[in-house]
């Protein structure tokens, strides 16, 4: 399972957006200044992304994949199939030479089955790919959101308050970064699933999704927290922070209205790079049998089904479809993450 981007890479590419306060700052207008700076940061980033053909292409691919996953139920209904209905009739699956292998008219794309059917159960591959995209992307996006929220708040608190608070949080971050993530996730996921089984999150297909979101999100915040902490250590001494304190702003107000908005650049970069990491992690865990399980589809579960019955030997198309979708998705998100990182790099305009 891949880890998040290296710490030094992100620290070296993104600088705080805060600048020295204007005369209006001394009149208590720093919140508006922060909002304007955030808008300027996003506008500048978008202009730089538009100049890069690779960035635009990766953005279009990501948008297309997201729409494919969102419209999955509608698209599968248009094809006349659903991801759960089996068809094991001898007109669809071979019952003589290789029992369960789709016949030539059903193994590959056709008018009735846009990507063919899967061996063994004869379920529609297109419908399972579309619904599996929903599951895989939902797990990746929600676990990324959990990691980003925890990492941003905890890292900002460590850098802002300093002292014992910083020392305790830093040691906790060191502990999380020292964990062998793959082994812990493999061992803790089944335990968490058994604990969630009798809760509202443990109903039906929500159980594996909820457990993966919690596990991946919980073990992914420490990298971002350390990066944010480093940024906040310099931000807390800036004039606009001192101005907010002098006007009687509370620590929470300064933290959430002055500090955190000025580290959103590095947070955005980290989030775009963490999404493909979590997509790959979900696929790996489902492939190993501790993530999403049949009949709930996901791209990792489809890869698991292709190898569990050795179907990839007689029907390589069954392995190629989810594998290609996974590769394209991870590659597009990685390229988009690189583009966002370059766009938010203040040094890029000097080259």
Protein backbone atom coordinates (compact mmCIF):
# COMPACT_ATOMS: atom_id res chain seq x y z
CA UNK A 1 0.00 0.00 0.00
CA UNK A 2 1.47 3.33 -1.08
CA UNK A 3 2.20 6.00 1.46
CA UNK A 4 1.37 9.65 1.20
CA UNK A 5 3.76 12.03 -0.63
CA UNK A 6 7.10 12.73 1.05
CA UNK A 7 7.12 15.48 3.62
CA UNK A 8 10.00 17.40 2.08
CA UNK A 9 8.31 17.51 -1.32
CA UNK A 10 5.29 19.37 -0.06
CA UNK A 11 7.17 21.62 2.33
CA UNK A 12 9.44 22.82 -0.42
CA UNK A 13 6.71 23.57 -2.95
CA UNK A 14 4.10 25.53 -1.03
CA UNK A 15 4.61 28.71 0.91
CA UNK A 16 2.15 30.49 3.19
CA UNK A 17 -0.16 32.91 1.45
CA UNK A 18 -0.19 35.42 4.24
CA UNK A 19 1.53 38.72 3.57
CA UNK A 20 2.36 41.70 5.68
CA UNK A 21 -0.79 43.49 6.73
CA UNK A 22 -2.00 46.46 4.80
CA UNK A 23 -3.11 49.61 6.59
CA UNK A 24 -6.63 48.13 6.66
CA UNK A 25 -5.36 45.19 8.72
CA UNK A 26 -4.75 47.43 11.70
CA UNK A 27 -8.42 48.39 11.48
CA UNK A 28 -9.52 44.81 12.07
CA UNK A 29 -10.05 43.73 8.43
CA UNK A 30 -7.70 40.76 8.40
CA UNK A 31 -10.48 38.16 7.89
CA UNK A 32 -11.47 39.86 4.64
CA UNK A 33 -7.83 40.06 3.63
CA UNK A 34 -7.43 36.31 4.21
CA UNK A 35 -10.51 35.58 2.08
CA UNK A 36 -9.24 37.79 -0.73
CA UNK A 37 -5.82 36.13 -0.59
CA UNK A 38 -7.46 32.68 -0.74
CA UNK A 39 -9.46 33.72 -3.81
CA UNK A 40 -6.35 35.15 -5.42
CA UNK A 41 -4.47 31.91 -4.69
CA UNK A 42 -7.16 29.77 -6.34
CA UNK A 43 -7.47 32.11 -9.32
CA UNK A 44 -3.71 32.08 -9.88
CA UNK A 45 -3.61 28.29 -9.56
CA UNK A 46 -6.42 27.90 -12.12
CA UNK A 47 -4.63 30.17 -14.61
CA UNK A 48 -1.46 28.10 -14.31
CA UNK A 49 -3.37 24.83 -14.68
CA UNK A 50 -5.06 26.11 -17.84
CA UNK A 51 -1.66 26.70 -19.44
CA UNK A 52 -0.66 23.04 -19.01
CA UNK A 53 -2.09 20.53 -21.51
CA UNK A 54 -1.25 17.61 -19.22
CA UNK A 55 -3.00 19.29 -16.30
CA UNK A 56 -6.12 20.01 -18.36
CA UNK A 57 -6.16 16.47 -19.76
CA UNK A 58 -5.83 14.93 -16.29
CA UNK A 59 -8.56 17.24 -14.98
CA UNK A 60 -10.90 16.20 -17.80
CA UNK A 61 -10.18 12.51 -17.13
CA UNK A 62 -10.84 12.95 -13.40
CA UNK A 63 -14.12 14.77 -14.10
CA UNK A 64 -15.15 12.06 -16.58
CA UNK A 65 -14.39 9.30 -14.04
CA UNK A 66 -16.33 11.13 -11.33
CA UNK A 67 -19.33 11.55 -13.64
CA UNK A 68 -19.09 7.88 -14.63
CA UNK A 69 -19.24 6.88 -10.96
CA UNK A 70 -22.01 9.35 -10.05
CA UNK A 71 -24.16 8.35 -13.03
CA UNK A 72 -23.35 4.65 -12.59
CA UNK A 73 -26.89 3.51 -11.67
CA UNK A 74 -28.39 5.52 -14.54
CA UNK A 75 -25.86 4.20 -17.06
CA UNK A 76 -26.29 0.59 -15.97
CA UNK A 77 -30.08 1.02 -16.18
CA UNK A 78 -29.67 2.36 -19.71
CA UNK A 79 -27.73 -0.77 -20.61
CA UNK A 80 -30.60 -2.88 -19.24
CA UNK A 81 -28.51 -4.59 -16.56
CA UNK A 82 -27.68 -4.29 -12.88
CA UNK A 83 -24.55 -5.30 -10.97
CA UNK A 84 -26.16 -8.03 -8.85
CA UNK A 85 -28.29 -10.17 -11.20
CA UNK A 86 -26.62 -13.46 -12.15
CA UNK A 87 -27.13 -15.28 -15.44
CA UNK A 88 -25.69 -18.79 -15.45
CA UNK A 89 -27.73 -20.17 -18.34
CA UNK A 90 -25.87 -22.31 -20.90
CA UNK A 91 -26.57 -19.63 -23.51
CA UNK A 92 -24.29 -17.26 -21.57
CA UNK A 93 -21.76 -19.42 -19.70
CA UNK A 94 -20.00 -22.54 -20.92
CA UNK A 95 -21.07 -25.69 -19.06
CA UNK A 96 -18.94 -28.24 -20.94
CA UNK A 97 -15.26 -27.50 -21.64
CA UNK A 98 -14.63 -24.70 -19.11
CA UNK A 99 -17.65 -24.48 -16.77
CA UNK A 100 -18.50 -20.88 -15.93
CA UNK A 101 -16.46 -19.28 -18.72
CA UNK A 102 -18.50 -16.76 -20.75
CA UNK A 103 -19.22 -17.83 -24.30
CA UNK A 104 -17.58 -15.75 -27.07
CA UNK A 105 -20.71 -13.64 -27.59
CA UNK A 106 -20.76 -12.62 -23.90
CA UNK A 107 -17.08 -12.53 -22.92
CA UNK A 108 -16.39 -9.24 -24.72
CA UNK A 109 -18.42 -6.03 -25.30
CA UNK A 110 -21.72 -6.47 -27.08
CA UNK A 111 -25.00 -4.62 -27.54
CA UNK A 112 -26.65 -6.40 -24.61
CA UNK A 113 -23.60 -6.28 -22.31
CA UNK A 114 -21.43 -3.22 -23.00
CA UNK A 115 -18.30 -4.76 -21.42
CA UNK A 116 -19.32 -8.41 -21.42
CA UNK A 117 -20.15 -10.54 -18.39
CA UNK A 118 -18.02 -11.89 -15.60
CA UNK A 119 -17.17 -15.59 -15.48
CA UNK A 120 -18.77 -17.81 -12.89
CA UNK A 121 -21.93 -15.82 -12.22
CA UNK A 122 -22.56 -14.04 -15.52
CA UNK A 123 -23.11 -10.60 -13.97
CA UNK A 124 -22.79 -7.55 -16.21
CA UNK A 125 -19.25 -6.14 -16.15
CA UNK A 126 -20.24 -2.58 -17.11
CA UNK A 127 -22.79 -2.33 -14.31
CA UNK A 128 -20.34 -3.70 -11.75
CA UNK A 129 -17.58 -1.38 -12.99
CA UNK A 130 -19.84 1.67 -12.67
CA UNK A 131 -21.16 0.75 -9.22
CA UNK A 132 -17.66 -0.30 -8.17
CA UNK A 133 -16.40 3.14 -9.14
CA UNK A 134 -18.95 4.67 -6.78
CA UNK A 135 -17.75 2.49 -3.92
CA UNK A 136 -14.01 2.94 -4.58
CA UNK A 137 -14.19 6.71 -5.06
CA UNK A 138 -16.53 7.18 -2.08
CA UNK A 139 -14.11 5.35 0.20
CA UNK A 140 -11.13 7.29 -1.17
CA UNK A 141 -12.79 10.72 -0.94
CA UNK A 142 -14.27 10.21 2.54
CA UNK A 143 -11.06 8.76 3.99
CA UNK A 144 -9.13 11.66 2.45
CA UNK A 145 -11.59 14.12 4.04
CA UNK A 146 -11.09 12.46 7.45
CA UNK A 147 -7.30 12.63 7.12
CA UNK A 148 -7.34 16.23 5.89
CA UNK A 149 -9.63 17.48 8.67
CA UNK A 150 -7.69 15.70 11.42
CA UNK A 151 -4.29 16.61 10.01
CA UNK A 152 -5.13 20.27 9.44
CA UNK A 153 -6.69 20.90 12.84
CA UNK A 154 -4.17 18.87 14.88
CA UNK A 155 -1.15 20.22 12.98
CA UNK A 156 -2.37 23.82 13.24
CA UNK A 157 -3.00 23.41 16.97
CA UNK A 158 0.51 21.98 17.52
CA UNK A 159 2.20 24.79 15.62
CA UNK A 160 0.07 27.58 17.08
CA UNK A 161 0.08 26.69 20.77
CA UNK A 162 3.63 25.32 20.89
CA UNK A 163 5.19 24.29 24.20
CA UNK A 164 3.90 21.09 25.80
CA UNK A 165 0.98 20.89 23.38
CA UNK A 166 3.38 20.86 20.45
CA UNK A 167 5.67 18.33 22.14
CA UNK A 168 2.84 15.89 22.91
CA UNK A 169 1.26 16.15 19.46
CA UNK A 170 4.64 15.82 17.76
CA UNK A 171 5.39 12.59 19.65
CA UNK A 172 1.96 11.23 18.67
CA UNK A 173 2.71 12.12 15.04
CA UNK A 174 6.07 10.33 15.27
CA UNK A 175 4.29 7.28 16.65
CA UNK A 176 1.77 7.21 13.79
CA UNK A 177 4.49 7.74 11.19
CA UNK A 178 6.46 4.82 12.65
CA UNK A 179 3.55 2.37 12.31
CA UNK A 180 3.81 -0.34 9.62
CA UNK A 181 0.62 0.87 7.99
CA UNK A 182 -0.13 -2.09 5.74
CA UNK A 183 0.20 -4.67 8.51
CA UNK A 184 -1.87 -2.59 10.91
CA UNK A 185 -4.62 -1.96 8.38
CA UNK A 186 -4.76 -5.65 7.43
CA UNK A 187 -5.04 -6.69 11.06
CA UNK A 188 -7.34 -3.92 12.33
CA UNK A 189 -9.89 -3.86 9.48
CA UNK A 190 -11.52 -7.23 10.36
CA UNK A 191 -11.56 -6.26 14.05
CA UNK A 192 -13.23 -2.93 13.30
CA UNK A 193 -15.76 -4.59 11.01
CA UNK A 194 -16.77 -7.00 13.78
CA UNK A 195 -17.21 -4.07 16.20
CA UNK A 196 -19.30 -2.07 13.71
CA UNK A 197 -21.53 -5.00 12.73
CA UNK A 198 -24.24 -4.21 15.31
CA UNK A 199 -24.20 -0.45 14.73
CA UNK A 200 -25.98 1.66 12.08
CA UNK A 201 -22.71 1.73 10.08
CA UNK A 202 -22.64 -2.06 9.96
CA UNK A 203 -25.79 -2.54 7.89
CA UNK A 204 -25.35 -4.25 4.52
CA UNK A 205 -22.71 -2.86 2.19
CA UNK A 206 -21.97 0.08 4.53
CA UNK A 207 -19.90 -2.13 6.85
CA UNK A 208 -16.76 -2.58 4.69
CA UNK A 209 -17.02 0.97 3.38
CA UNK A 210 -17.29 2.51 6.86
CA UNK A 211 -14.45 0.41 8.22
CA UNK A 212 -12.11 1.34 5.36
CA UNK A 213 -12.97 5.04 5.64
CA UNK A 214 -12.23 5.01 9.37
CA UNK A 215 -9.03 2.99 9.09
CA UNK A 216 -7.54 4.81 6.09
CA UNK A 217 -8.59 8.22 7.39
CA UNK A 218 -7.30 7.59 10.90
CA UNK A 219 -3.86 6.46 9.77
CA UNK A 220 -3.42 9.14 7.10
CA UNK A 221 -3.51 12.39 9.08
CA UNK A 222 -0.01 12.45 10.58
CA UNK A 223 1.81 13.39 7.36
CA UNK A 224 -0.38 16.43 6.77
CA UNK A 225 -0.30 17.40 10.45
CA UNK A 226 3.49 17.62 10.39
CA UNK A 227 3.45 19.71 7.22
CA UNK A 228 0.79 22.10 8.57
CA UNK A 229 2.64 22.39 11.87
CA UNK A 230 5.77 23.57 10.05
CA UNK A 231 3.79 26.20 8.16
CA UNK A 232 1.99 27.44 11.27
CA UNK A 233 5.23 27.85 13.22
CA UNK A 234 6.13 30.72 10.91
CA UNK A 235 2.60 32.03 10.41
CA UNK A 236 1.89 32.52 14.12
CA UNK A 237 4.55 35.27 14.30
CA UNK A 238 3.13 37.26 11.37
CA UNK A 239 1.73 40.75 11.85
CA UNK A 240 -1.85 39.88 10.91
CA UNK A 241 -1.96 37.24 13.66
CA UNK A 242 -0.59 39.71 16.19
CA UNK A 243 -3.17 42.26 15.02
CA UNK A 244 -6.01 39.79 15.55
CA UNK A 245 -4.75 39.03 19.06
CA UNK A 246 -4.44 42.72 19.90
CA UNK A 247 -8.12 43.20 19.03
CA UNK A 248 -9.07 40.52 21.54
CA UNK A 249 -9.65 37.57 19.20
CA UNK A 250 -9.72 34.23 21.01
CA UNK A 251 -7.23 31.47 20.26
CA UNK A 252 -9.89 29.46 18.41
CA UNK A 253 -10.83 32.49 16.34
CA UNK A 254 -7.22 33.15 15.40
CA UNK A 255 -6.64 29.49 14.63
CA UNK A 256 -9.69 28.95 12.42
CA UNK A 257 -10.06 32.42 10.87
CA UNK A 258 -6.45 33.51 10.45
CA UNK A 259 -4.09 30.53 10.59
CA UNK A 260 -5.90 27.66 8.85
CA UNK A 261 -7.11 29.71 5.83
CA UNK A 262 -3.47 30.57 5.15
CA UNK A 263 -2.36 26.92 4.98
CA UNK A 264 -5.13 25.79 2.63
CA UNK A 265 -2.70 25.78 -0.29
CA UNK A 266 -0.57 23.02 1.20
CA UNK A 267 -3.72 21.21 2.39
CA UNK A 268 -5.17 21.23 -1.12
CA UNK A 269 -1.92 19.88 -2.59
CA UNK A 270 -1.77 17.10 -0.03
CA UNK A 271 -5.44 16.18 -0.53
CA UNK A 272 -5.10 15.83 -4.31
CA UNK A 273 -2.11 13.54 -3.79
CA UNK A 274 -3.76 11.51 -1.02
CA UNK A 275 -6.86 10.62 -3.06
CA UNK A 276 -5.01 8.28 -5.49
CA UNK A 277 -3.13 6.78 -2.54
CA UNK A 278 -6.42 5.88 -0.88
CA UNK A 279 -7.87 4.56 -4.14
CA UNK A 280 -4.89 2.21 -4.41
CA UNK A 281 -5.17 1.30 -0.73
CA UNK A 282 -8.84 0.35 -1.07
CA UNK A 283 -8.07 -1.73 -4.15
CA UNK A 284 -5.19 -3.48 -2.38
CA UNK A 285 -7.24 -4.25 0.73
CA UNK A 286 -10.21 -5.51 -1.28
CA UNK A 287 -7.87 -7.55 -3.46
CA UNK A 288 -6.42 -9.14 -0.31
CA UNK A 289 -9.93 -9.96 0.93
CA UNK A 290 -10.22 -7.62 3.93
CA UNK A 291 -12.00 -4.74 2.19
CA UNK A 292 -15.14 -4.70 0.09
CA UNK A 293 -16.55 -8.19 -0.40
CA UNK A 294 -18.85 -9.80 -2.95
CA UNK A 295 -21.62 -9.09 -3.91
CA UNK A 296 -20.80 -5.39 -3.32
CA UNK A 297 -18.65 -4.34 -6.27
CA UNK A 298 -15.48 -2.27 -6.12
CA UNK A 299 -12.52 -2.18 -8.45
CA UNK A 300 -10.36 -3.99 -5.92
CA UNK A 301 -13.07 -6.61 -5.31
CA UNK A 302 -13.33 -7.22 -9.06
CA UNK A 303 -9.57 -7.82 -9.21
CA UNK A 304 -9.93 -10.21 -6.29
CA UNK A 305 -12.67 -12.11 -8.12
CA UNK A 306 -10.49 -12.35 -11.24
CA UNK A 307 -7.62 -14.01 -9.39
CA UNK A 308 -9.52 -16.02 -6.76
CA UNK A 309 -10.90 -18.47 -9.33
CA UNK A 310 -7.92 -18.17 -11.69
CA UNK A 311 -10.31 -16.66 -14.22
CA UNK A 312 -7.58 -14.30 -15.44
CA UNK A 313 -5.95 -17.28 -17.18
CA UNK A 314 -8.96 -18.19 -19.33
CA UNK A 315 -10.64 -14.76 -19.39
CA UNK A 316 -7.98 -12.01 -19.19
CA UNK A 317 -10.59 -9.41 -20.19
CA UNK A 318 -12.20 -9.88 -16.77
CA UNK A 319 -8.92 -8.76 -15.15
CA UNK A 320 -8.10 -6.08 -17.71
CA UNK A 321 -11.32 -4.05 -17.32
CA UNK A 322 -11.07 -3.11 -13.59
CA UNK A 323 -7.26 -3.07 -13.77
CA UNK A 324 -7.24 -0.53 -16.61
CA UNK A 325 -9.86 1.61 -14.86
CA UNK A 326 -7.81 1.61 -11.68
CA UNK A 327 -4.59 2.53 -13.49
CA UNK A 328 -6.19 5.36 -15.45
CA UNK A 329 -7.88 6.78 -12.34
CA UNK A 330 -4.77 6.71 -10.15
CA UNK A 331 -2.60 8.13 -12.95
CA UNK A 332 -5.06 10.96 -13.66
CA UNK A 333 -5.29 11.93 -9.98
CA UNK A 334 -1.50 11.81 -9.61
CA UNK A 335 -0.97 14.04 -12.63
CA UNK A 336 -3.65 16.42 -11.38
CA UNK A 337 -1.98 16.47 -7.96
CA UNK A 338 1.36 17.34 -9.57
CA UNK A 339 -0.33 20.11 -11.55
CA UNK A 340 -1.98 21.56 -8.44
CA UNK A 341 1.33 21.43 -6.60
CA UNK A 342 3.09 23.28 -9.42
CA UNK A 343 0.26 25.78 -9.73
CA UNK A 344 0.37 26.66 -6.04
CA UNK A 345 4.16 26.97 -6.02
CA UNK A 346 4.99 30.67 -5.69
CA UNK A 347 8.38 30.05 -7.32
CA UNK A 348 6.76 28.79 -10.54
CA UNK A 349 6.13 32.32 -11.83
CA UNK A 350 9.86 33.07 -11.65
CA UNK A 351 10.87 30.34 -14.10
